[in-house]
Amino acid sequence: MSAKIIDGRALALKIKDQVKQQAQNIYEKIGRAPSLAVIMVGQDPASATYVRNKRRVSQELGIKALDYDLPEKVSEKKLLKLISELNNQPKVDGILVQLPLPVHIDANKIITSIDPNKDVDGFHPENLGKLLAGQPKFIPCTPAGIMEIIYSVEEQIAGKKAVIIGRSNIVGKPTALLLLQADATVTLCHSRTKDLAQECKAADILVVAVGKRYCILGDWIKPGTIVIDVGINRDAASGLCGDVDFTKACDKAGYITPVPGGVGPMTIAMLMRNTIYAAKIREGLL
């Protein structure tokens, strides 16, 4: 069989159209655009690209992007002070600190310092705790995007066997919780998992978020599986590729996300949706 390619860009466009309309509605009701403060520390090339895209999309959708570009050697104390100021600014709806941060800054301390009601990344312990309790508020953007992608090709997740490879707080764990809440039977795999190939072969839904190119082989995939490839890596020709051997996986999978053009656009779209939600909370519009 030949897999159907899931067009993440097209799905993201639909969500962004909704966000643009909601941003306009908010502007008409309160006289200002929703706003997103984006903080970047240093000039990591990959981070700079991500931040540029987030700011560009914000402006396109009618969300005011507030740019804070800090030097690589900025102190943790100064970064915390900036976040405190943004927490207390009534016209700032969302705060995003681009990760990773330089080694001299404690990322967990920074994330925890963000007002949970402005935590549009969904990484604050309070928001992760709400997700764990089955009362999600701000859902991390990539897991939220993954769920939208899955629902676009499979309305009935209940009873499906979902296998997630990667246990990060940013992707793996939240995705496992979301799939569990959708009544899938979830297996969360990681570097210590024995016989990873066999786990993959059991999956109806396979989500891979490892960060290692082609670490999931095509013959590990059961025919008809929905494959969501979160990885962004460089191949031998310096082009972008995922964690899954895409070409060979296409021979087995029912549906598969490409890299690029799969999960990435959805992550930014969900960030914008979270920003709209944050603005509605702040302005009492829910």
Protein backbone atom coordinates (compact mmCIF):
# COMPACT_ATOMS: atom_id res chain seq x y z
CA MET A 1 0.00 0.00 0.00
CA SER A 2 1.02 3.61 -0.37
CA ALA A 3 0.46 6.00 2.52
CA LYS A 4 -1.64 9.12 2.21
CA ILE A 5 0.44 12.19 3.03
CA ILE A 6 -1.12 14.43 5.68
CA ASP A 7 -0.83 18.06 4.65
CA GLY A 8 -0.02 19.89 7.88
CA ARG A 9 0.16 23.22 6.09
CA ALA A 10 -3.41 22.92 4.82
CA LEU A 11 -4.70 21.93 8.26
CA ALA A 12 -2.79 24.80 9.86
CA LEU A 13 -4.28 27.25 7.36
CA LYS A 14 -7.80 26.32 8.45
CA ILE A 15 -6.93 26.92 12.10
CA LYS A 16 -5.17 30.19 11.31
CA ASP A 17 -8.24 31.42 9.41
CA GLN A 18 -10.30 30.78 12.56
CA VAL A 19 -7.70 32.52 14.72
CA LYS A 20 -7.65 35.57 12.41
CA GLN A 21 -11.41 35.94 12.70
CA GLN A 22 -11.29 35.55 16.48
CA ALA A 23 -8.50 38.12 16.74
CA GLN A 24 -10.64 40.57 14.76
CA ASN A 25 -13.62 39.88 17.04
CA ILE A 26 -11.48 40.58 20.11
CA TYR A 27 -10.20 43.81 18.59
CA GLU A 28 -13.76 44.97 17.92
CA LYS A 29 -14.82 44.19 21.49
CA ILE A 30 -11.90 45.62 23.49
CA GLY A 31 -10.26 48.07 21.10
CA ARG A 32 -6.90 46.36 20.92
CA ALA A 33 -5.37 43.33 19.24
CA PRO A 34 -4.45 40.21 21.25
CA SER A 35 -0.73 40.31 22.04
CA LEU A 36 2.07 37.80 22.31
CA ALA A 37 5.43 38.59 23.91
CA VAL A 38 8.17 36.46 22.34
CA ILE A 39 11.48 36.35 24.21
CA MET A 40 14.61 35.04 22.55
CA VAL A 41 17.98 34.75 24.29
CA GLY A 42 21.04 34.60 22.05
CA GLN A 43 21.20 33.89 18.32
CA ASP A 44 20.87 30.13 17.92
CA PRO A 45 20.14 29.75 14.16
CA ALA A 46 17.33 27.20 14.54
CA SER A 47 15.69 29.20 17.34
CA ALA A 48 16.00 32.40 15.30
CA THR A 49 14.14 30.75 12.43
CA TYR A 50 11.36 29.50 14.70
CA VAL A 51 10.98 32.89 16.37
CA ARG A 52 10.91 34.69 13.05
CA ASN A 53 8.11 32.41 11.84
CA LYS A 54 6.10 32.85 15.04
CA ARG A 55 6.35 36.62 14.87
CA ARG A 56 5.47 36.68 11.17
CA VAL A 57 2.39 34.49 11.63
CA SER A 58 1.28 36.57 14.63
CA GLN A 59 1.22 39.73 12.54
CA GLU A 60 -0.53 37.98 9.65
CA LEU A 61 -3.35 36.88 11.96
CA GLY A 62 -3.88 40.19 13.72
CA ILE A 63 -1.99 39.28 16.89
CA LYS A 64 0.44 41.93 18.08
CA ALA A 65 3.94 40.46 18.42
CA LEU A 66 6.03 42.04 21.17
CA ASP A 67 9.70 41.30 20.45
CA TYR A 68 12.29 40.86 23.19
CA ASP A 69 15.70 39.80 21.86
CA LEU A 70 18.23 39.44 24.65
CA PRO A 71 21.99 38.84 24.44
CA GLU A 72 23.39 35.34 24.97
CA LYS A 73 25.02 36.36 28.25
CA VAL A 74 21.95 38.01 29.81
CA SER A 75 21.67 37.04 33.47
CA GLU A 76 18.94 34.77 34.74
CA LYS A 77 17.96 37.57 37.14
CA LYS A 78 17.36 40.02 34.28
CA LEU A 79 15.32 37.50 32.34
CA LEU A 80 13.17 36.78 35.39
CA LYS A 81 12.69 40.52 35.89
CA LEU A 82 11.48 40.93 32.30
CA ILE A 83 9.02 38.06 32.69
CA SER A 84 7.71 39.55 35.94
CA GLU A 85 7.11 42.86 34.17
CA LEU A 86 5.28 41.12 31.31
CA ASN A 87 3.20 39.11 33.80
CA ASN A 88 1.98 42.41 35.27
CA GLN A 89 1.25 44.17 32.00
CA PRO A 90 -2.52 44.02 31.37
CA LYS A 91 -2.13 44.39 27.60
CA VAL A 92 0.18 41.38 27.31
CA ASP A 93 -1.93 38.25 26.77
CA GLY A 94 0.68 35.56 26.13
CA ILE A 95 4.35 35.06 26.98
CA LEU A 96 6.64 32.68 25.12
CA VAL A 97 10.30 32.08 25.97
CA GLN A 98 12.04 30.35 23.08
CA LEU A 99 13.86 27.18 24.13
CA PRO A 100 16.56 26.04 24.50
CA LEU A 101 18.09 28.65 26.76
CA PRO A 102 21.83 29.15 27.38
CA VAL A 103 23.32 26.74 29.92
CA HIS A 104 23.70 29.39 32.63
CA ILE A 105 19.91 29.88 32.79
CA ASP A 106 17.64 27.36 34.53
CA ALA A 107 14.87 26.72 31.99
CA ASN A 108 12.57 25.18 34.60
CA LYS A 109 12.84 28.30 36.77
CA ILE A 110 12.05 30.50 33.79
CA ILE A 111 9.03 28.45 32.72
CA THR A 112 7.67 28.38 36.27
CA SER A 113 8.01 32.18 36.53
CA ILE A 114 5.50 32.77 33.71
CA ASP A 115 1.92 33.57 34.77
CA PRO A 116 0.01 30.30 34.08
CA ASN A 117 -2.74 32.37 32.42
CA LYS A 118 -0.18 33.77 29.96
CA ASP A 119 1.63 30.45 29.43
CA VAL A 120 0.70 29.95 25.78
CA ASP A 121 3.36 27.25 25.38
CA GLY A 122 1.55 25.17 28.01
CA PHE A 123 4.77 24.22 29.82
CA HIS A 124 4.06 25.69 33.28
CA PRO A 125 3.69 22.97 35.96
CA GLU A 126 0.18 24.23 36.73
CA ASN A 127 -0.93 23.76 33.13
CA LEU A 128 0.78 20.37 32.83
CA GLY A 129 -0.92 19.37 36.09
CA LYS A 130 -4.32 20.38 34.74
CA LEU A 131 -3.64 18.28 31.66
CA LEU A 132 -2.72 15.31 33.86
CA ALA A 133 -5.93 15.79 35.87
CA GLY A 134 -8.02 15.71 32.69
CA GLN A 135 -8.86 19.42 33.00
CA PRO A 136 -6.64 20.91 30.28
CA LYS A 137 -6.33 24.67 29.97
CA PHE A 138 -3.27 25.56 27.89
CA ILE A 139 -2.17 22.43 26.02
CA PRO A 140 1.43 22.33 24.75
CA CYS A 141 1.34 23.37 21.10
CA THR A 142 2.96 20.39 19.39
CA PRO A 143 0.84 17.76 21.21
CA ALA A 144 -2.29 19.83 20.50
CA GLY A 145 -1.30 19.95 16.83
CA ILE A 146 -0.65 16.22 16.78
CA MET A 147 -4.16 15.53 18.05
CA GLU A 148 -5.67 17.78 15.38
CA ILE A 149 -3.69 15.91 12.74
CA ILE A 150 -4.83 12.51 14.00
CA TYR A 151 -8.47 13.60 14.18
CA SER A 152 -8.24 14.87 10.60
CA VAL A 153 -7.81 11.29 9.37
CA GLU A 154 -9.34 9.20 12.19
CA GLU A 155 -12.38 10.37 14.12
CA GLN A 156 -12.50 7.27 16.30
CA ILE A 157 -9.37 7.11 18.46
CA ALA A 158 -11.03 5.16 21.28
CA GLY A 159 -9.70 1.62 21.48
CA LYS A 160 -6.79 2.26 19.14
CA LYS A 161 -3.29 1.19 20.16
CA ALA A 162 -1.14 4.34 20.33
CA VAL A 163 2.64 4.13 20.65
CA ILE A 164 4.67 7.25 21.42
CA ILE A 165 8.44 7.22 21.11
CA GLY A 166 10.03 9.95 23.23
CA ARG A 167 9.10 11.00 26.76
CA SER A 168 9.84 14.73 26.87
CA ASN A 169 7.64 17.14 28.81
CA ILE A 170 7.21 19.13 25.61
CA VAL A 171 5.92 16.39 23.30
CA GLY A 172 5.96 12.79 24.48
CA LYS A 173 4.29 12.94 27.89
CA PRO A 174 1.57 15.48 26.99
CA THR A 175 0.75 13.57 23.79
CA ALA A 176 0.42 10.36 25.80
CA LEU A 177 -2.03 12.08 28.17
CA LEU A 178 -4.11 13.51 25.33
CA LEU A 179 -4.34 10.15 23.59
CA LEU A 180 -5.20 8.48 26.89
CA GLN A 181 -7.99 11.02 27.42
CA ALA A 182 -9.24 10.12 23.93
CA ASP A 183 -9.52 6.50 25.19
CA ALA A 184 -6.60 5.11 23.21
CA THR A 185 -4.47 2.39 24.78
CA VAL A 186 -1.13 4.15 25.15
CA THR A 187 2.44 2.85 25.29
CA LEU A 188 5.17 5.42 25.95
CA CYS A 189 8.56 4.25 24.70
CA HIS A 190 12.03 5.70 25.31
CA SER A 191 15.75 4.92 25.15
CA ARG A 192 15.44 2.03 27.64
CA THR A 193 12.53 0.35 25.89
CA LYS A 194 13.28 -3.25 24.94
CA ASP A 195 12.42 -4.43 21.42
CA LEU A 196 11.31 -1.05 20.11
CA ALA A 197 10.60 -2.54 16.69
CA GLN A 198 8.00 -4.87 18.16
CA GLU A 199 6.31 -1.99 20.00
CA CYS A 200 6.11 -0.01 16.75
CA LYS A 201 4.62 -2.96 14.88
CA ALA A 202 1.75 -3.09 17.39
CA ALA A 203 0.75 0.55 16.83
CA ASP A 204 -2.40 1.78 15.12
CA ILE A 205 -1.14 5.30 15.84
CA LEU A 206 2.62 5.91 16.00
CA VAL A 207 4.00 9.25 17.22
CA VAL A 208 7.78 9.65 16.96
CA ALA A 209 9.57 12.49 18.77
CA VAL A 210 13.18 11.44 19.24
CA GLY A 211 15.33 13.92 17.30
CA LYS A 212 17.40 11.29 15.49
CA ARG A 213 17.07 10.93 11.76
CA TYR A 214 15.63 7.73 10.34
CA CYS A 215 15.70 5.97 13.72
CA ILE A 216 12.35 4.31 12.94
CA LEU A 217 12.60 1.92 10.04
CA GLY A 218 9.89 1.37 7.47
CA ASP A 219 9.52 -2.34 8.19
CA TRP A 220 8.74 -1.55 11.84
CA ILE A 221 5.39 -0.13 10.80
CA LYS A 222 2.19 -2.15 10.65
CA PRO A 223 0.14 -1.76 7.45
CA GLY A 224 -2.41 1.01 7.81
CA THR A 225 -0.79 2.76 10.79
CA ILE A 226 -1.16 6.53 11.25
CA VAL A 227 2.42 7.80 11.55
CA ILE A 228 3.11 11.23 13.07
CA ASP A 229 6.76 12.24 12.66
CA VAL A 230 7.70 15.11 15.00
CA GLY A 231 11.45 14.98 14.39
CA ILE A 232 13.31 17.71 12.52
CA ASN A 233 16.81 16.65 11.49
CA ARG A 234 19.31 17.15 8.69
CA ASP A 235 19.90 14.39 6.18
CA ALA A 236 23.20 13.61 4.45
CA ALA A 237 22.51 16.34 1.86
CA SER A 238 21.71 18.89 4.60
CA GLY A 239 18.01 18.81 3.77
CA LEU A 240 15.31 18.47 6.43
CA CYS A 241 14.14 15.02 7.40
CA GLY A 242 12.26 13.37 10.24
CA ASP A 243 12.83 10.56 12.70
CA VAL A 244 11.04 8.05 10.45
CA ASP A 245 12.46 6.55 7.26
CA PHE A 246 9.78 8.33 5.25
CA THR A 247 10.22 6.65 1.87
CA LYS A 248 10.04 3.11 3.21
CA ALA A 249 7.38 3.96 5.79
CA CYS A 250 5.14 5.16 2.97
CA ASP A 251 4.98 1.56 1.72
CA LYS A 252 3.34 0.46 4.97
CA ALA A 253 1.58 3.38 6.69
CA GLY A 254 -2.02 4.34 6.07
CA TYR A 255 -1.29 8.00 6.73
CA ILE A 256 1.97 9.80 7.42
CA THR A 257 3.14 13.35 8.10
CA PRO A 258 6.01 14.69 5.97
CA VAL A 259 9.02 16.63 7.24
CA PRO A 260 8.84 19.51 6.59
CA GLY A 261 5.16 20.37 6.16
CA GLY A 262 3.61 18.09 8.75
CA VAL A 263 3.66 18.79 12.47
CA GLY A 264 5.68 22.03 12.30
CA PRO A 265 2.99 24.29 10.77
CA MET A 266 0.43 22.90 13.20
CA THR A 267 2.61 23.75 16.20
CA ILE A 268 2.64 27.44 15.26
CA ALA A 269 -1.09 27.41 14.50
CA MET A 270 -1.84 25.99 17.96
CA LEU A 271 0.38 28.63 19.56
CA MET A 272 -1.77 31.29 17.92
CA ARG A 273 -4.93 29.56 19.10
CA ASN A 274 -3.57 29.46 22.65
CA THR A 275 -2.83 33.19 22.43
CA ILE A 276 -6.44 33.90 21.48
CA TYR A 277 -7.58 31.77 24.42
CA ALA A 278 -5.27 33.71 26.76
CA ALA A 279 -6.67 37.02 25.52
CA LYS A 280 -10.22 35.82 26.10
CA ILE A 281 -9.32 34.80 29.65
CA ARG A 282 -7.74 38.17 30.39
CA GLU A 283 -10.65 40.15 28.97
CA GLY A 284 -13.45 37.96 30.41
CA LEU A 285 -14.66 36.93 26.96
CA LEU A 286 -15.13 33.21 27.62
